[in-house]
Protein backbone atom coordinates (compact mmCIF):
# COMPACT_ATOMS: atom_id res chain seq x y z
CA MET A 1 13.82 -6.40 46.00
CA THR A 2 14.81 -6.41 49.12
CA ASP A 3 13.32 -8.81 51.93
CA VAL A 4 12.44 -6.59 54.56
CA LEU A 5 9.48 -5.89 56.99
CA PHE A 6 8.49 -2.74 58.27
CA ALA A 7 7.70 -2.31 62.29
CA TRP A 8 4.20 0.03 62.09
CA PRO A 9 4.31 2.05 64.70
CA ALA A 10 2.06 0.87 67.60
CA ASN A 11 -0.07 3.92 67.40
CA ALA A 12 -1.07 3.46 63.99
CA ALA A 13 -2.33 0.26 64.43
CA VAL A 14 -6.23 -0.36 63.62
CA GLY A 15 -6.90 -4.23 64.02
CA THR A 16 -10.00 -4.27 62.02
CA ARG A 17 -11.21 -7.20 60.62
CA ILE A 18 -13.15 -6.51 56.90
CA PRO A 19 -15.35 -9.27 55.55
CA LYS A 20 -14.14 -10.42 52.32
CA GLU A 21 -17.51 -10.38 51.01
CA ARG A 22 -17.39 -6.48 51.05
CA PHE A 23 -14.63 -6.35 48.05
CA TYR A 24 -16.62 -9.18 45.84
CA ALA A 25 -20.09 -8.08 46.61
CA GLN A 26 -19.61 -5.57 44.44
CA GLY A 27 -21.23 -5.48 40.82
CA THR A 28 -17.78 -4.62 39.03
CA VAL A 29 -15.80 -7.82 40.52
CA PRO A 30 -15.51 -10.44 37.89
CA THR A 31 -16.97 -13.99 38.92
CA GLY A 32 -13.70 -15.14 38.61
CA THR A 33 -12.36 -12.81 40.63
CA LYS A 34 -15.18 -13.72 43.27
CA GLU A 35 -14.56 -17.23 43.32
CA LYS A 36 -10.52 -16.37 44.21
CA PHE A 37 -11.46 -14.56 47.39
CA VAL A 38 -13.68 -17.55 48.21
CA SER A 39 -10.81 -20.16 47.45
CA GLU A 40 -7.60 -18.37 48.44
CA VAL A 41 -8.39 -15.86 51.22
CA ALA A 42 -8.87 -16.89 54.99
CA LYS A 43 -9.06 -13.64 56.62
CA ILE A 44 -8.48 -9.67 55.53
CA THR A 45 -7.14 -7.57 58.48
CA TRP A 46 -6.83 -3.39 58.20
CA THR A 47 -3.98 -3.80 60.42
CA HIS A 48 -2.54 0.08 60.37
CA LYS A 49 -3.23 3.35 59.31
CA LEU A 50 -0.27 5.93 58.61
CA SER A 51 -1.54 9.55 58.41
CA VAL A 52 -0.45 12.82 59.87
CA ASP A 53 -2.01 12.19 63.02
CA THR A 54 0.02 8.07 63.94
CA VAL A 55 3.13 8.92 61.93
CA ASN A 56 3.57 12.67 62.51
CA VAL A 57 4.34 13.28 58.70
CA PRO A 58 2.37 15.85 56.64
CA GLY A 59 0.48 14.63 53.74
CA VAL A 60 0.69 16.13 50.00
CA ASP A 61 -2.04 16.58 47.90
CA ASP A 62 -4.27 13.91 47.76
CA LEU A 63 -2.37 11.41 49.32
CA VAL A 64 -3.31 11.93 53.53
CA GLU A 65 -3.04 8.41 54.46
CA ILE A 66 -1.53 4.88 53.49
CA GLY A 67 -3.30 1.93 54.56
CA VAL A 68 -1.45 -1.49 55.67
CA PHE A 69 -3.60 -4.73 55.37
CA ARG A 70 -2.84 -8.12 56.04
CA ILE A 71 -3.96 -11.08 53.74
CA ASP A 72 -4.16 -14.55 55.35
CA THR A 73 -4.32 -17.08 52.54
CA LYS A 74 -5.56 -20.37 52.88
CA ASP A 75 -2.61 -22.11 51.13
CA GLY A 76 -0.20 -19.36 49.89
CA GLU A 77 -2.20 -18.63 46.64
CA LEU A 78 -3.19 -15.43 45.95
CA SER A 79 -3.86 -13.55 42.62
CA ASP A 80 -3.44 -10.30 41.85
CA SER A 81 -6.79 -9.39 40.65
CA VAL A 82 -7.44 -10.20 44.79
CA LEU A 83 -5.55 -7.67 45.31
CA THR A 84 -6.49 -4.88 42.74
CA ALA A 85 -10.42 -5.49 43.72
CA ILE A 86 -9.08 -4.39 47.57
CA ASP A 87 -7.00 -1.84 45.92
CA LYS A 88 -9.70 -0.44 43.37
CA ALA A 89 -12.40 -0.35 46.30
CA ILE A 90 -10.11 1.94 48.92
CA PRO A 91 -9.38 5.35 47.86
CA ARG A 92 -5.87 5.60 49.37
CA PRO A 93 -2.62 4.10 48.85
CA LEU A 94 -2.43 0.47 50.50
CA VAL A 95 0.53 -1.70 51.64
CA PHE A 96 -0.37 -5.35 51.71
CA GLU A 97 1.56 -8.48 54.10
CA VAL A 98 0.05 -11.89 52.94
CA THR A 99 0.87 -14.48 55.14
CA ARG A 100 0.97 -18.55 54.33
CA PRO A 101 0.42 -20.97 56.87
CA THR A 102 3.00 -24.14 57.14
CA ALA A 103 2.20 -27.30 56.61
CA GLU A 104 2.25 -28.36 59.97
CA LEU A 105 -1.32 -27.56 61.05
CA GLY A 106 -1.95 -25.93 64.63
CA SER A 107 1.80 -25.35 64.68
CA GLY A 108 1.64 -21.61 64.89
CA ASN A 109 4.37 -21.17 62.13
CA GLY A 110 4.13 -19.60 58.79
CA VAL A 111 5.50 -17.38 56.30
CA ILE A 112 4.67 -13.68 55.10
CA ARG A 113 5.61 -11.42 52.60
CA MET A 114 5.00 -7.83 51.30
CA ALA A 115 3.05 -6.90 48.44
CA ALA A 116 1.95 -3.53 46.79
CA ALA A 117 1.22 -1.80 43.66
CA HIS A 118 1.81 1.74 42.98
CA LYS A 119 -1.39 3.70 43.12
CA GLN A 120 -2.16 7.18 41.80
CA LEU A 121 -5.18 9.03 43.09
CA GLY A 122 -7.24 11.57 40.94
CA ALA A 123 -10.77 11.43 39.97
CA GLY A 124 -12.59 8.22 39.36
CA VAL A 125 -10.89 4.66 39.64
CA PRO A 126 -7.64 4.56 40.75
CA LYS A 127 -4.51 4.18 38.42
CA LEU A 128 -2.19 0.92 39.59
CA SER A 129 0.99 -0.51 38.55
CA SER A 130 1.82 -3.93 38.34
CA TYR A 131 1.78 -5.81 41.94
CA TYR A 132 5.24 -5.95 43.52
CA SER A 133 6.34 -8.09 46.29
CA THR A 134 9.24 -9.58 48.59
CA GLY A 135 9.80 -12.99 48.66
CA TRP A 136 8.74 -15.39 51.34
CA MET A 137 10.19 -14.47 54.91
CA PRO A 138 9.35 -16.53 58.23
CA LEU A 139 6.59 -14.77 60.55
CA ALA A 140 9.06 -13.94 63.05
CA GLN A 141 11.23 -12.22 60.62
CA GLU A 142 13.00 -8.84 62.30
CA ARG A 143 11.13 -6.17 61.63
CA ILE A 144 12.96 -2.68 60.81
CA ALA A 145 12.08 1.17 61.38
CA LEU A 146 9.93 3.09 59.07
CA PRO A 147 12.11 5.13 56.65
CA THR A 148 12.48 8.38 57.53
CA ALA A 149 10.68 10.99 55.23
CA ILE A 150 9.63 14.71 54.80
CA ASN A 151 5.82 13.73 53.71
CA LEU A 152 3.76 11.25 53.01
CA GLN A 153 4.43 10.73 49.39
CA MET A 154 8.08 10.19 50.25
CA LEU A 155 7.26 7.55 52.77
CA TYR A 156 5.22 5.90 50.32
CA ALA A 157 8.02 5.96 48.07
CA SER A 158 10.35 4.46 50.53
CA LEU A 159 7.82 1.47 51.33
CA LEU A 160 7.34 0.57 47.85
CA GLU A 161 11.21 1.02 47.15
CA PRO A 162 12.26 -2.77 48.69
CA LEU A 163 9.55 -4.48 46.88
CA THR A 164 10.68 -3.58 43.29
CA PRO A 165 12.95 -5.28 41.14
CA VAL A 166 14.93 -2.40 40.20
CA GLU A 167 17.28 0.28 41.62
CA THR A 168 15.03 3.43 42.23
CA ARG A 169 17.36 6.47 40.93
CA ALA A 170 17.82 9.66 42.69
CA GLY A 171 14.67 11.91 42.77
CA GLU A 172 12.64 9.23 40.86
CA THR A 173 8.98 8.91 42.02
CA PRO A 174 6.98 5.81 42.45
CA SER A 175 5.08 6.92 39.16
CA GLU A 176 8.38 7.05 37.63
CA VAL A 177 9.58 3.78 39.17
CA ALA A 178 6.36 2.39 37.74
CA GLU A 179 6.54 3.51 34.24
CA ARG A 180 10.19 2.29 33.86
CA LEU A 181 9.13 -1.69 35.30
CA GLU A 182 6.10 -1.09 32.78
CA ALA A 183 8.81 -0.51 29.99
CA ILE A 184 11.17 -3.43 30.93
CA ARG A 185 8.32 -5.63 30.99
CA ARG A 186 7.00 -4.39 27.52
CA LEU A 187 10.71 -4.88 26.00
CA ASP A 188 10.84 -8.56 27.83
CA ARG A 189 8.09 -9.57 25.61
CA GLU A 190 9.23 -7.85 22.28
CA ILE A 191 13.00 -9.19 23.32
CA ALA A 192 11.23 -13.14 23.48
CA THR A 193 9.55 -12.28 20.08
CA LEU A 194 12.83 -11.78 18.53
CA GLU A 195 14.12 -14.39 20.05
CA ARG A 196 12.04 -16.83 18.54
CA LYS A 197 11.76 -15.09 14.83
CA LEU A 198 15.87 -15.47 15.23
CA ARG A 199 15.78 -18.70 15.96
CA THR A 200 13.45 -19.84 13.48
CA GLU A 201 14.20 -17.92 10.89
CA VAL A 202 15.90 -19.36 7.38
CA GLN A 203 16.61 -16.52 5.12
CA LEU A 204 20.13 -14.83 6.09
CA ASN A 205 18.94 -11.32 5.24
CA ARG A 206 15.85 -11.66 7.53
CA LYS A 207 18.14 -13.25 10.44
CA VAL A 208 20.57 -10.23 10.05
CA GLU A 209 17.92 -7.56 10.01
CA VAL A 210 16.27 -9.61 13.50
CA ARG A 211 19.52 -9.43 14.84
CA ARG A 212 19.71 -6.13 14.57
CA GLN A 213 16.41 -5.22 15.99
CA LEU A 214 16.98 -7.71 19.19
CA LYS A 215 20.31 -6.16 19.65
CA THR A 216 18.46 -2.69 20.11
CA LYS A 217 15.87 -4.01 22.51
CA GLN A 218 18.49 -5.06 24.67
CA ALA A 219 20.33 -1.93 24.79
CA GLN A 220 16.89 -0.33 25.40
CA ARG A 221 16.32 -2.80 28.32
CA GLU A 222 19.92 -2.23 29.85
CA GLN A 223 19.23 1.78 29.94
CA GLN A 224 15.82 1.06 31.97
CA ARG A 225 17.56 -0.91 34.60
């Protein structure tokens, strides 16, 4: 993970405020998620549209546009379920910029972070990975230029790369990175379970077996990094 903000091209600017009710008024959104929209979200703005026309990069298959959304939170809390509801309602990849006000009311200051899940497009509801995020940065953080890319798929991969907690391997696609991260999360859960069993097991032969399984899982996790 790298704490960066991108300088979105001026000709890609949209600046359209979207009522949050648009996302939670749908019958498919759980009541708990609707409550989080109300309690956590102050404002949602579609800030930029990265497309063939605005960034002069060709699309690939279903990927012809990447949206950038800014979510101003009330106190910094933002549940993944809120991001998921927005992502599922919009049939294109999204990158979020999430802001949090500072304690000094009226100061105009605050902090910001980038967040996104890898979104696989296709028939039906888009498939989403877990959400990745940078750390919090000052709103005045210097922004860097968009990565050079030969198509929107490569641009999308480059935008997600700073958010992921593992280093992208040469030639690895966003889908493959997402699968590797899910494998790491699964192995982390299995390792934690085995570590608990190792602490509580009293029979020596079983303890030896649990330790063997633990070393195997730890080796598998190391291979995924």
